[in-house]
C-alpha atoms as a PDB file:
ATOM      1  CA  MET A   1     -10.040  24.547 -11.954  1.00  0.00           C
ATOM      2  CA  SER A   2     -12.166  21.440 -12.382  1.00  0.00           C
ATOM      3  CA  ARG A   3     -10.874  17.906 -12.458  1.00  0.00           C
ATOM      4  CA  LEU A   4      -8.924  17.097 -15.637  1.00  0.00           C
ATOM      5  CA  SER A   5      -8.735  13.313 -15.321  1.00  0.00           C
ATOM      6  CA  ARG A   6     -11.512  10.811 -16.035  1.00  0.00           C
ATOM      7  CA  ARG A   7     -13.325   9.902 -12.826  1.00  0.00           C
ATOM      8  CA  TYR A   8     -13.825   6.194 -13.550  1.00  0.00           C
ATOM      9  CA  PHE A   9     -13.916   3.607 -16.321  1.00  0.00           C
ATOM     10  CA  PRO A  10     -16.918   1.253 -16.417  1.00  0.00           C
ATOM     11  CA  ARG A  11     -15.792  -2.381 -16.389  1.00  0.00           C
ATOM     12  CA  LYS A  12     -17.857  -5.092 -18.059  1.00  0.00           C
ATOM     13  CA  ARG A  13     -15.724  -7.896 -16.661  1.00  0.00           C
ATOM     14  CA  ARG A  14     -13.443  -8.464 -13.702  1.00  0.00           C
ATOM     15  CA  PRO A  15      -9.717  -7.812 -14.303  1.00  0.00           C
ATOM     16  CA  LYS A  16      -7.631 -10.919 -14.985  1.00  0.00           C
ATOM     17  CA  ASP A  17      -5.062  -9.949 -12.370  1.00  0.00           C
ATOM     18  CA  GLU A  18      -7.563  -9.467  -9.551  1.00  0.00           C
ATOM     19  CA  PRO A  19      -5.906 -10.665  -6.292  1.00  0.00           C
ATOM     20  CA  ALA A  20      -6.769 -14.242  -5.369  1.00  0.00           C
ATOM     21  CA  HIS A  21      -6.200 -16.122  -2.098  1.00  0.00           C
ATOM     22  CA  TYR A  22      -2.464 -15.669  -1.294  1.00  0.00           C
ATOM     23  CA  ALA A  23      -2.217 -12.326  -3.148  1.00  0.00           C
ATOM     24  CA  PHE A  24      -5.346 -11.093  -1.373  1.00  0.00           C
ATOM     25  CA  MET A  25      -3.998 -12.117   2.059  1.00  0.00           C
ATOM     26  CA  PHE A  26      -0.618 -10.540   1.316  1.00  0.00           C
ATOM     27  CA  ILE A  27      -2.197  -7.192   0.373  1.00  0.00           C
ATOM     28  CA  ARG A  28      -4.606  -7.240   3.316  1.00  0.00           C
ATOM     29  CA  ASP A  29      -1.986  -8.149   5.921  1.00  0.00           C
ATOM     30  CA  ILE A  30       0.424  -5.392   4.882  1.00  0.00           C
ATOM     31  CA  HIS A  31      -2.000  -2.465   4.803  1.00  0.00           C
ATOM     32  CA  THR A  32      -4.217  -3.529   7.718  1.00  0.00           C
ATOM     33  CA  GLY A  33      -2.881  -1.981  10.902  1.00  0.00           C
ATOM     34  CA  ILE A  34      -0.066  -0.131   9.136  1.00  0.00           C
ATOM     35  CA  MET A  35      -1.204   2.743  11.342  1.00  0.00           C
ATOM     36  CA  PRO A  36      -1.996   1.564  14.908  1.00  0.00           C
ATOM     37  CA  PHE A  37      -5.697   1.537  15.752  1.00  0.00           C
ATOM     38  CA  ARG A  38      -7.083   4.093  18.166  1.00  0.00           C
ATOM     39  CA  THR A  39      -8.791   3.553  21.508  1.00  0.00           C
ATOM     40  CA  GLY A  40     -11.815   5.829  21.566  1.00  0.00           C
ATOM     41  CA  ARG A  41     -10.428   9.073  20.165  1.00  0.00           C
ATOM     42  CA  GLU A  42      -6.879   8.484  21.369  1.00  0.00           C
ATOM     43  CA  TYR A  43      -4.196   7.203  19.011  1.00  0.00           C
ATOM     44  CA  PRO A  44      -1.001   5.571  20.370  1.00  0.00           C
ATOM     45  CA  PHE A  45       1.090   8.074  18.374  1.00  0.00           C
ATOM     46  CA  THR A  46       1.190  11.842  17.901  1.00  0.00           C
ATOM     47  CA  VAL A  47       1.048  13.970  14.764  1.00  0.00           C
ATOM     48  CA  LYS A  48       1.935  17.642  14.687  1.00  0.00           C
ATOM     49  CA  LEU A  49       3.420  20.278  12.422  1.00  0.00           C
ATOM     50  CA  LYS A  50       7.101  21.116  12.765  1.00  0.00           C
ATOM     51  CA  ARG A  51       6.100  24.765  13.209  1.00  0.00           C
ATOM     52  CA  VAL A  52       2.773  25.317  14.967  1.00  0.00           C
ATOM     53  CA  ASN A  53       0.181  26.724  12.565  1.00  0.00           C
ATOM     54  CA  GLU A  54      -3.490  26.148  13.416  1.00  0.00           C
ATOM     55  CA  SER A  55      -4.881  27.468  10.116  1.00  0.00           C
ATOM     56  CA  LEU A  56      -2.523  25.173   8.163  1.00  0.00           C
ATOM     57  CA  GLU A  57      -3.686  22.211  10.276  1.00  0.00           C
ATOM     58  CA  VAL A  58      -7.272  22.909   9.225  1.00  0.00           C
ATOM     59  CA  GLN A  59      -6.195  23.085   5.563  1.00  0.00           C
ATOM     60  CA  LEU A  60      -4.220  19.843   5.923  1.00  0.00           C
ATOM     61  CA  LYS A  61      -7.236  18.018   7.354  1.00  0.00           C
ATOM     62  CA  ASP A  62      -9.251  18.933   4.253  1.00  0.00           C
ATOM     63  CA  PHE A  63      -6.355  18.239   1.886  1.00  0.00           C
ATOM     64  CA  LEU A  64      -5.589  14.779   3.318  1.00  0.00           C
ATOM     65  CA  SER A  65      -9.223  13.636   3.416  1.00  0.00           C
ATOM     66  CA  ILE A  66      -8.795  11.613   0.246  1.00  0.00           C
ATOM     67  CA  GLY A  67     -12.088  10.012  -0.728  1.00  0.00           C
ATOM     68  CA  LYS A  68     -13.573  10.557   2.735  1.00  0.00           C
ATOM     69  CA  GLY A  69     -15.151  13.268   4.831  1.00  0.00           C
ATOM     70  CA  THR A  70     -12.852  15.444   6.913  1.00  0.00           C
ATOM     71  CA  GLY A  71     -11.895  13.883  10.252  1.00  0.00           C
ATOM     72  CA  TRP A  72     -11.818  15.525  13.655  1.00  0.00           C
ATOM     73  CA  SER A  73      -8.012  15.865  13.804  1.00  0.00           C
ATOM     74  CA  ILE A  74      -4.883  15.892  11.669  1.00  0.00           C
ATOM     75  CA  THR A  75      -3.900  12.631  13.410  1.00  0.00           C
ATOM     76  CA  GLU A  76      -7.032  10.901  12.167  1.00  0.00           C
ATOM     77  CA  GLU A  77      -6.609  12.216   8.639  1.00  0.00           C
ATOM     78  CA  LEU A  78      -2.970  11.123   8.421  1.00  0.00           C
ATOM     79  CA  SER A  79      -3.914   7.681   9.731  1.00  0.00           C
ATOM     80  CA  ASN A  80      -6.676   7.383   7.122  1.00  0.00           C
ATOM     81  CA  ILE A  81      -4.602   8.521   4.147  1.00  0.00           C
ATOM     82  CA  VAL A  82      -1.619   6.298   5.031  1.00  0.00           C
ATOM     83  CA  GLY A  83      -3.978   3.327   5.296  1.00  0.00           C
ATOM     84  CA  THR A  84      -5.645   4.146   1.970  1.00  0.00           C
ATOM     85  CA  LEU A  85      -2.443   4.825   0.027  1.00  0.00           C
ATOM     86  CA  SER A  86      -0.670   1.762   1.441  1.00  0.00           C
ATOM     87  CA  HIS A  87      -3.581  -0.391   0.221  1.00  0.00           C
ATOM     88  CA  TYR A  88      -3.233   0.997  -3.305  1.00  0.00           C
ATOM     89  CA  LEU A  89       0.565   0.675  -3.321  1.00  0.00           C
ATOM     90  CA  VAL A  90       0.594  -2.936  -2.123  1.00  0.00           C
ATOM     91  CA  ALA A  91      -2.166  -3.843  -4.591  1.00  0.00           C
ATOM     92  CA  LEU A  92      -0.785  -1.975  -7.627  1.00  0.00           C
ATOM     93  CA  GLY A  93       2.822  -0.948  -6.909  1.00  0.00           C
ATOM     94  CA  GLU A  94       2.106   2.690  -7.793  1.00  0.00           C
ATOM     95  CA  ILE A  95      -0.732   5.204  -7.871  1.00  0.00           C
ATOM     96  CA  TYR A  96      -1.519   8.431  -9.707  1.00  0.00           C
ATOM     97  CA  ILE A  97      -3.332  11.190  -7.822  1.00  0.00           C
ATOM     98  CA  GLU A  98      -4.570  14.460  -9.280  1.00  0.00           C
ATOM     99  CA  ILE A  99      -4.252  17.675  -7.272  1.00  0.00           C
ATOM    100  CA  VAL A 100      -7.471  19.561  -8.004  1.00  0.00           C
ATOM    101  CA  GLN A 101      -7.537  23.301  -7.267  1.00  0.00           C
ATOM    102  CA  ASP A 102     -10.749  25.322  -7.040  1.00  0.00           C
ATOM    103  CA  ASP A 103     -10.896  28.694  -8.753  1.00  0.00           C
ATOM    104  CA  GLU A 104     -10.716  30.710  -5.528  1.00  0.00           C
ATOM    105  CA  GLY A 105      -7.821  28.896  -3.848  1.00  0.00           C
ATOM    106  CA  ASP A 106      -4.244  30.137  -3.522  1.00  0.00           C
ATOM    107  CA  LYS A 107      -1.922  28.201  -5.837  1.00  0.00           C
ATOM    108  CA  LYS A 108       0.871  28.249  -3.229  1.00  0.00           C
ATOM    109  CA  SER A 109      -1.202  27.008  -0.291  1.00  0.00           C
ATOM    110  CA  LEU A 110      -3.383  23.990   0.485  1.00  0.00           C
ATOM    111  CA  ALA A 111      -6.572  26.074   0.630  1.00  0.00           C
ATOM    112  CA  GLY A 112      -9.084  24.943  -1.992  1.00  0.00           C
ATOM    113  CA  LYS A 113      -7.028  21.904  -3.028  1.00  0.00           C
ATOM    114  CA  GLN A 114      -8.082  18.282  -2.885  1.00  0.00           C
ATOM    115  CA  LEU A 115      -6.567  14.950  -3.870  1.00  0.00           C
ATOM    116  CA  VAL A 116      -8.444  12.604  -6.214  1.00  0.00           C
ATOM    117  CA  ILE A 117      -7.218   9.158  -7.198  1.00  0.00           C
ATOM    118  CA  LEU A 118      -7.087   8.311 -10.888  1.00  0.00           C
ATOM    119  CA  PRO A 119      -8.929   5.091 -11.741  1.00  0.00           C
ATOM    120  CA  ARG A 120      -6.844   2.064 -12.549  1.00  0.00           C
ATOM    121  CA  GLY A 121      -5.596   2.259 -16.120  1.00  0.00           C
ATOM    122  CA  ARG A 122      -2.733   3.309 -18.350  1.00  0.00           C
ATOM    123  CA  VAL A 123      -1.028   6.622 -17.540  1.00  0.00           C
ATOM    124  CA  LEU A 124       1.935   7.910 -19.553  1.00  0.00           C
ATOM    125  CA  ARG A 125       4.459  10.663 -18.806  1.00  0.00           C
ATOM    126  CA  VAL A 126       5.322  12.819 -21.832  1.00  0.00           C
ATOM    127  CA  TYR A 127       7.508  15.849 -21.150  1.00  0.00           C
ATOM    128  CA  LYS A 128       5.554  18.180 -18.835  1.00  0.00           C
ATOM    129  CA  TYR A 129       2.315  16.229 -19.030  1.00  0.00           C
ATOM    130  CA  TYR A 130       0.710  12.995 -17.912  1.00  0.00           C
ATOM    131  CA  ILE A 131      -1.646  11.304 -20.363  1.00  0.00           C
ATOM    132  CA  GLN A 132      -4.515   9.266 -18.951  1.00  0.00           C
ATOM    133  CA  VAL A 133      -5.438   6.761 -21.665  1.00  0.00           C
ATOM    134  CA  VAL A 134      -9.074   5.683 -21.866  1.00  0.00           C
ATOM    135  CA  PRO A 135      -9.360   1.880 -22.297  1.00  0.00           C
ATOM    136  CA  ILE A 136     -10.773   0.835 -25.695  1.00  0.00           C
ATOM    137  CA  GLU A 137     -13.810  -0.818 -24.083  1.00  0.00           C
ATOM    138  CA  SER A 138     -14.731   2.565 -22.548  1.00  0.00           C
ATOM    139  CA  TRP A 139     -14.547   4.546 -25.811  1.00  0.00           C
ATOM    140  CA  LYS A 140     -17.722   6.393 -26.796  1.00  0.00           C
ATOM    141  CA  ARG A 141     -18.485   8.522 -29.818  1.00  0.00           C
ATOM    142  CA  GLY A 142     -17.835  12.199 -29.115  1.00  0.00           C
ATOM    143  CA  GLU A 143     -15.840  11.538 -25.912  1.00  0.00           C
ATOM    144  CA  LYS A 144     -12.096  11.938 -25.361  1.00  0.00           C
ATOM    145  CA  LYS A 145      -9.815   8.950 -25.931  1.00  0.00           C
ATOM    146  CA  PHE A 146      -7.202  10.389 -23.581  1.00  0.00           C
ATOM    147  CA  HIS A 147      -6.922  13.164 -21.008  1.00  0.00           C
ATOM    148  CA  LEU A 148      -3.936  15.542 -20.839  1.00  0.00           C
ATOM    149  CA  ILE A 149      -2.917  16.625 -17.322  1.00  0.00           C
ATOM    150  CA  PRO A 150      -0.003  18.981 -16.494  1.00  0.00           C
ATOM    151  CA  SER A 151       2.662  17.190 -14.442  1.00  0.00           C
ATOM    152  CA  LYS A 152       2.350  19.827 -11.704  1.00  0.00           C
ATOM    153  CA  ASN A 153      -1.198  18.562 -11.110  1.00  0.00           C
ATOM    154  CA  ILE A 154      -0.196  14.919 -10.639  1.00  0.00           C
ATOM    155  CA  TRP A 155       1.256  13.173  -7.603  1.00  0.00           C
ATOM    156  CA  HIS A 156       2.837   9.922  -8.762  1.00  0.00           C
ATOM    157  CA  LEU A 157       3.410   7.746  -5.727  1.00  0.00           C
ATOM    158  CA  LYS A 158       5.401   4.498  -5.938  1.00  0.00           C
ATOM    159  CA  LEU A 159       6.624   1.852  -3.519  1.00  0.00           C
ATOM    160  CA  PRO A 160       9.885   2.682  -1.707  1.00  0.00           C
ATOM    161  CA  LYS A 161      12.910   1.353  -3.596  1.00  0.00           C
ATOM    162  CA  LYS A 162      13.788  -0.996  -0.726  1.00  0.00           C
ATOM    163  CA  LEU A 163      10.540  -2.869  -1.396  1.00  0.00           C
ATOM    164  CA  GLY A 164      11.050  -3.112  -5.145  1.00  0.00           C
ATOM    165  CA  SER A 165       9.897  -1.368  -8.304  1.00  0.00           C
ATOM    166  CA  PRO A 166       6.198  -1.266  -9.291  1.00  0.00           C
ATOM    167  CA  SER A 167       6.727  -3.698 -12.198  1.00  0.00           C
ATOM    168  CA  ARG A 168       8.683  -6.120 -10.013  1.00  0.00           C
ATOM    169  CA  HIS A 169       5.997  -5.916  -7.345  1.00  0.00           C
ATOM    170  CA  ARG A 170       3.259  -6.702  -9.855  1.00  0.00           C
ATOM    171  CA  ARG A 171       5.235  -9.788 -10.911  1.00  0.00           C
ATOM    172  CA  THR A 172       5.279 -10.854  -7.254  1.00  0.00           C
ATOM    173  CA  LEU A 173       1.487 -10.524  -7.063  1.00  0.00           C
ATOM    174  CA  LYS A 174       1.134 -12.477 -10.304  1.00  0.00           C
ATOM    175  CA  LYS A 175       3.218 -15.319  -8.846  1.00  0.00           C
ATOM    176  CA  LEU A 176       1.051 -15.329  -5.709  1.00  0.00           C
ATOM    177  CA  ASN A 177      -2.053 -15.550  -7.899  1.00  0.00           C
ATOM    178  CA  LEU A 178      -0.592 -18.527  -9.759  1.00  0.00           C
ATOM    179  CA  LEU A 179       0.061 -20.263  -6.430  1.00  0.00           C
ATOM    180  CA  SER A 180      -3.437 -19.506  -5.159  1.00  0.00           C
ATOM    181  CA  ASN A 181      -5.130 -22.504  -6.744  1.00  0.00           C
ATOM    182  CA  THR A 182      -4.857 -24.826  -3.753  1.00  0.00           C
ATOM    183  CA  THR A 183      -6.699 -27.608  -5.601  1.00  0.00           C
ATOM    184  CA  PRO A 184      -5.092 -28.845  -8.861  1.00  0.00           C
ATOM    185  CA  ALA A 185      -7.447 -28.791 -11.853  1.00  0.00           C
ATOM    186  CA  PHE A 186      -7.038 -32.530 -12.620  1.00  0.00           C
ATOM    187  CA  VAL A 187      -8.772 -33.600  -9.391  1.00  0.00           C
ATOM    188  CA  PHE A 188     -12.125 -32.562 -10.860  1.00  0.00           C
ATOM    189  CA  GLU A 189     -11.636 -34.607 -14.019  1.00  0.00           C
ATOM    190  CA  ASP A 190     -11.898 -38.149 -12.624  1.00  0.00           C
ATOM    191  CA  GLY A 191     -15.039 -37.531 -10.573  1.00  0.00           C
ATOM    192  CA  LYS A 192     -13.272 -38.770  -7.437  1.00  0.00           C
ATOM    193  CA  LEU A 193     -11.548 -35.537  -6.388  1.00  0.00           C
ATOM    194  CA  GLY A 194      -8.107 -36.992  -7.017  1.00  0.00           C
ATOM    195  CA  GLY A 195      -8.872 -40.243  -5.199  1.00  0.00           C
ATOM    196  CA  SER A 196      -8.018 -42.347  -8.238  1.00  0.00           C
ATOM    197  CA  VAL A 197      -4.386 -41.256  -8.044  1.00  0.00           C
ATOM    198  CA  TYR A 198      -4.259 -40.977  -4.212  1.00  0.00           C
ATOM    199  CA  TYR A 199      -3.277 -37.343  -4.414  1.00  0.00           C
ATOM    200  CA  ASP A 200      -1.840 -35.873  -1.200  1.00  0.00           C
ATOM    201  CA  PHE A 201      -3.606 -32.529  -0.763  1.00  0.00           C
ATOM    202  CA  ALA A 202      -1.865 -31.779   2.553  1.00  0.00           C
ATOM    203  CA  LYS A 203       1.528 -32.015   0.863  1.00  0.00           C
ATOM    204  CA  HIS A 204       0.280 -29.868  -2.023  1.00  0.00           C
ATOM    205  CA  ARG A 205      -0.836 -27.172   0.431  1.00  0.00           C
ATOM    206  CA  PHE A 206       2.469 -27.358   2.332  1.00  0.00           C
ATOM    207  CA  ASN A 207       4.490 -27.016  -0.888  1.00  0.00           C
ATOM    208  CA  SER A 208       2.307 -24.066  -1.948  1.00  0.00           C
ATOM    209  CA  GLU A 209       2.931 -22.258   1.332  1.00  0.00           C
ATOM    210  CA  VAL A 210       6.684 -22.880   1.106  1.00  0.00           C
ATOM    211  CA  ALA A 211       6.630 -21.426  -2.418  1.00  0.00           C
ATOM    212  CA  VAL A 212       4.670 -18.416  -1.135  1.00  0.00           C
ATOM    213  CA  GLU A 213       7.293 -17.843   1.572  1.00  0.00           C
ATOM    214  CA  ASN A 214       9.955 -17.783  -1.124  1.00  0.00           C
ATOM    215  CA  VAL A 215       8.002 -15.312  -3.290  1.00  0.00           C
ATOM    216  CA  THR A 216       7.364 -12.894  -0.389  1.00  0.00           C
ATOM    217  CA  SER A 217      10.815 -13.260   1.232  1.00  0.00           C
ATOM    218  CA  GLU A 218      11.710  -9.572   0.758  1.00  0.00           C
ATOM    219  CA  TRP A 219       8.525  -8.491   2.551  1.00  0.00           C
ATOM    220  CA  GLY A 220       8.428 -11.199   5.208  1.00  0.00           C
ATOM    221  CA  SER A 221       5.793 -13.863   5.816  1.00  0.00           C
ATOM    222  CA  ILE A 222       2.066 -13.491   5.221  1.00  0.00           C
ATOM    223  CA  TRP A 223       0.785 -13.217   8.788  1.00  0.00           C
ATOM    224  CA  SER A 224      -2.527 -14.932   8.043  1.00  0.00           C
ATOM    225  CA  LEU A 225      -0.739 -18.179   7.167  1.00  0.00           C
ATOM    226  CA  GLY A 226       0.694 -18.469  10.696  1.00  0.00           C
ATOM    227  CA  GLN A 227       3.706 -20.667  11.317  1.00  0.00           C
ATOM    228  CA  ILE A 228       4.286 -23.179   8.549  1.00  0.00           C
ATOM    229  CA  LYS A 229       4.512 -26.766   9.740  1.00  0.00           C
ATOM    230  CA  GLY A 230       8.112 -27.929  10.036  1.00  0.00           C
ATOM    231  CA  THR A 231       9.648 -24.479  10.411  1.00  0.00           C
ATOM    232  CA  THR A 232      11.411 -23.317  13.572  1.00  0.00           C
ATOM    233  CA  GLU A 233      10.241 -20.630  15.965  1.00  0.00           C
ATOM    234  CA  TYR A 234      13.317 -18.600  15.024  1.00  0.00           C
ATOM    235  CA  TYR A 235      12.316 -18.655  11.339  1.00  0.00           C
ATOM    236  CA  TYR A 236       8.755 -17.626  12.252  1.00  0.00           C
ATOM    237  CA  ILE A 237       9.844 -14.706  14.475  1.00  0.00           C
ATOM    238  CA  VAL A 238      12.434 -13.361  12.009  1.00  0.00           C
ATOM    239  CA  ASN A 239       9.933 -13.373   9.156  1.00  0.00           C
ATOM    240  CA  ARG A 240       7.357 -11.704  11.395  1.00  0.00           C
ATOM    241  CA  LEU A 241       9.923  -9.000  12.132  1.00  0.00           C
ATOM    242  CA  ARG A 242      10.615  -8.602   8.408  1.00  0.00           C
ATOM    243  CA  SER A 243       6.884  -8.090   7.784  1.00  0.00           C
ATOM    244  CA  CYS A 244       6.781  -5.398  10.469  1.00  0.00           C
ATOM    245  CA  ARG A 245       9.853  -3.756   8.941  1.00  0.00           C
ATOM    246  CA  SER A 246       8.158  -3.720   5.517  1.00  0.00           C
ATOM    247  CA  GLN A 247       5.105  -2.059   7.048  1.00  0.00           C
ATOM    248  CA  ALA A 248       7.312   0.534   8.743  1.00  0.00           C
ATOM    249  CA  LEU A 249       9.265   1.219   5.527  1.00  0.00           C
ATOM    250  CA  LEU A 250       6.044   1.722   3.589  1.00  0.00           C
ATOM    251  CA  ARG A 251       4.531   3.947   6.287  1.00  0.00           C
ATOM    252  CA  GLU A 252       7.661   6.113   6.571  1.00  0.00           C
ATOM    253  CA  HIS A 253       7.850   6.408   2.786  1.00  0.00           C
ATOM    254  CA  ILE A 254       4.239   7.593   2.450  1.00  0.00           C
ATOM    255  CA  ILE A 255       4.614  10.186   5.231  1.00  0.00           C
ATOM    256  CA  SER A 256       7.876  11.419   3.668  1.00  0.00           C
ATOM    257  CA  GLU A 257       6.203  11.697   0.242  1.00  0.00           C
ATOM    258  CA  ILE A 258       3.285  13.639   1.740  1.00  0.00           C
ATOM    259  CA  ASN A 259       5.799  16.125   3.157  1.00  0.00           C
ATOM    260  CA  ARG A 260       7.507  16.366  -0.232  1.00  0.00           C
ATOM    261  CA  LEU A 261       4.145  17.016  -1.870  1.00  0.00           C
ATOM    262  CA  ILE A 262       3.107  19.865   0.423  1.00  0.00           C
ATOM    263  CA  SER A 263       6.595  21.367   0.046  1.00  0.00           C
ATOM    264  CA  ARG A 264       6.213  21.141  -3.736  1.00  0.00           C
ATOM    265  CA  ILE A 265       2.941  23.044  -3.482  1.00  0.00           C
ATOM    266  CA  GLY A 266       4.707  25.821  -1.566  1.00  0.00           C
ATOM    267  CA  VAL A 267       3.987  25.043   2.082  1.00  0.00           C
ATOM    268  CA  LYS A 268       7.056  25.763   4.221  1.00  0.00           C
ATOM    269  CA  ASN A 269       6.236  23.312   6.997  1.00  0.00           C
ATOM    270  CA  SER A 270       6.183  19.561   7.512  1.00  0.00           C
ATOM    271  CA  ILE A 271       4.338  16.819   9.369  1.00  0.00           C
ATOM    272  CA  GLN A 272       6.117  15.096  12.263  1.00  0.00           C
ATOM    273  CA  VAL A 273       4.976  11.760  13.671  1.00  0.00           C
ATOM    274  CA  LYS A 274       6.174  10.274  16.950  1.00  0.00           C
ATOM    275  CA  GLY A 275       5.358   7.013  18.712  1.00  0.00           C
ATOM    276  CA  LEU A 276       5.488   4.627  15.737  1.00  0.00           C
ATOM    277  CA  ALA A 277       7.816   1.676  15.216  1.00  0.00           C
ATOM    278  CA  ILE A 278      10.868   2.657  13.137  1.00  0.00           C
ATOM    279  CA  SER A 279      12.179   0.458  10.304  1.00  0.00           C
ATOM    280  CA  SER A 280      15.843   1.001  11.252  1.00  0.00           C
ATOM    281  CA  ASP A 281      15.131  -0.156  14.833  1.00  0.00           C
ATOM    282  CA  ILE A 282      13.475  -3.333  13.533  1.00  0.00           C
ATOM    283  CA  SER A 283      16.432  -3.970  11.194  1.00  0.00           C
ATOM    284  CA  GLU A 284      18.794  -3.595  14.149  1.00  0.00           C
ATOM    285  CA  ALA A 285      16.677  -6.008  16.207  1.00  0.00           C
ATOM    286  CA  ILE A 286      16.812  -8.601  13.397  1.00  0.00           C
ATOM    287  CA  SER A 287      20.601  -8.242  13.199  1.00  0.00           C
ATOM    288  CA  LYS A 288      21.009  -8.657  16.970  1.00  0.00           C
ATOM    289  CA  LEU A 289      18.678 -11.657  16.997  1.00  0.00           C
ATOM    290  CA  GLU A 290      20.662 -13.324  14.212  1.00  0.00           C
ATOM    291  CA  LYS A 291      23.864 -12.835  16.260  1.00  0.00           C
ATOM    292  CA  GLY A 292      22.239 -14.216  19.402  1.00  0.00           C
ATOM    293  CA  GLU A 293      22.628 -10.923  21.284  1.00  0.00           C
ATOM    294  CA  ILE A 294      18.927 -10.679  22.187  1.00  0.00           C
ATOM    295  CA  GLY A 295      15.990 -13.060  22.570  1.00  0.00           C
ATOM    296  CA  PHE A 296      12.621 -13.234  20.827  1.00  0.00           C
ATOM    297  CA  GLN A 297      10.748 -11.038  23.304  1.00  0.00           C
ATOM    298  CA  GLU A 298      13.381  -8.314  23.195  1.00  0.00           C
ATOM    299  CA  ALA A 299      13.418  -8.389  19.382  1.00  0.00           C
ATOM    300  CA  MET A 300       9.633  -8.063  19.136  1.00  0.00           C
ATOM    301  CA  LYS A 301       9.713  -4.909  21.299  1.00  0.00           C
ATOM    302  CA  ALA A 302      11.103  -3.043  18.261  1.00  0.00           C
ATOM    303  CA  THR A 303       7.767  -3.542  16.481  1.00  0.00           C
ATOM    304  CA  LYS A 304       5.779  -1.793  19.221  1.00  0.00           C
ATOM    305  CA  SER A 305       4.805   1.841  18.796  1.00  0.00           C
END
């Protein structure tokens, strides 16, 4: 079976909601390092199948190599796909992926299957089908205006509920974009860069960063901003812990959804990962820190793999 979805849509202009400044940093900080980096060929965590199956491991390496060449181990492939999918989820809130099966592959195994990401655009669910709608600017005479894909061939991946719905998340990114203009437009109008009204740019930047902290409160602070002037060390550490917990929640969710996907295909096995920070442990550390039962160093240990 060949691919049913459209591979890409040519864009003549940049999207209006393209991440700017704070939104860009927020997306980058969450997905970067969501899987710990390796030293040489050694990762600080282990990945294995619940039931040992070498042939299935080989199939999984090919299946998980989304948009990239096959890696040298299942650990590398899992690390790559979690990093890729987390980037899409934090940037868009959800992602649609087509499961493409070649003509010779077994429908109830991973052999001959590959995952391909649908380009950004409108996708609708109607009964047992997904409809990929071709944007009007990409319409051409004689070409399809939409593509019909059976629901069994689509993997619809969304953010975990604890981190919000896709629509709510996109509103968060929109707010971050609105706050990203660190220089008010009026300062360019008088030819003196705001000097005629003695505008305080430092205060403007501080207020912007405080507003950003409020917008991203459910996820934690944006690491790249560092500690905001005037805030306490306790506030900084707790928000750093919340960011780590968000990363862990997202990572655990993606791995869980991968296991659900391979089970849906018919594979009676699952991927197990050990050596990574656990979201529930970080939540417990935050609770103990708030009660004064542990100190900063002890709390931060929960974020280590």
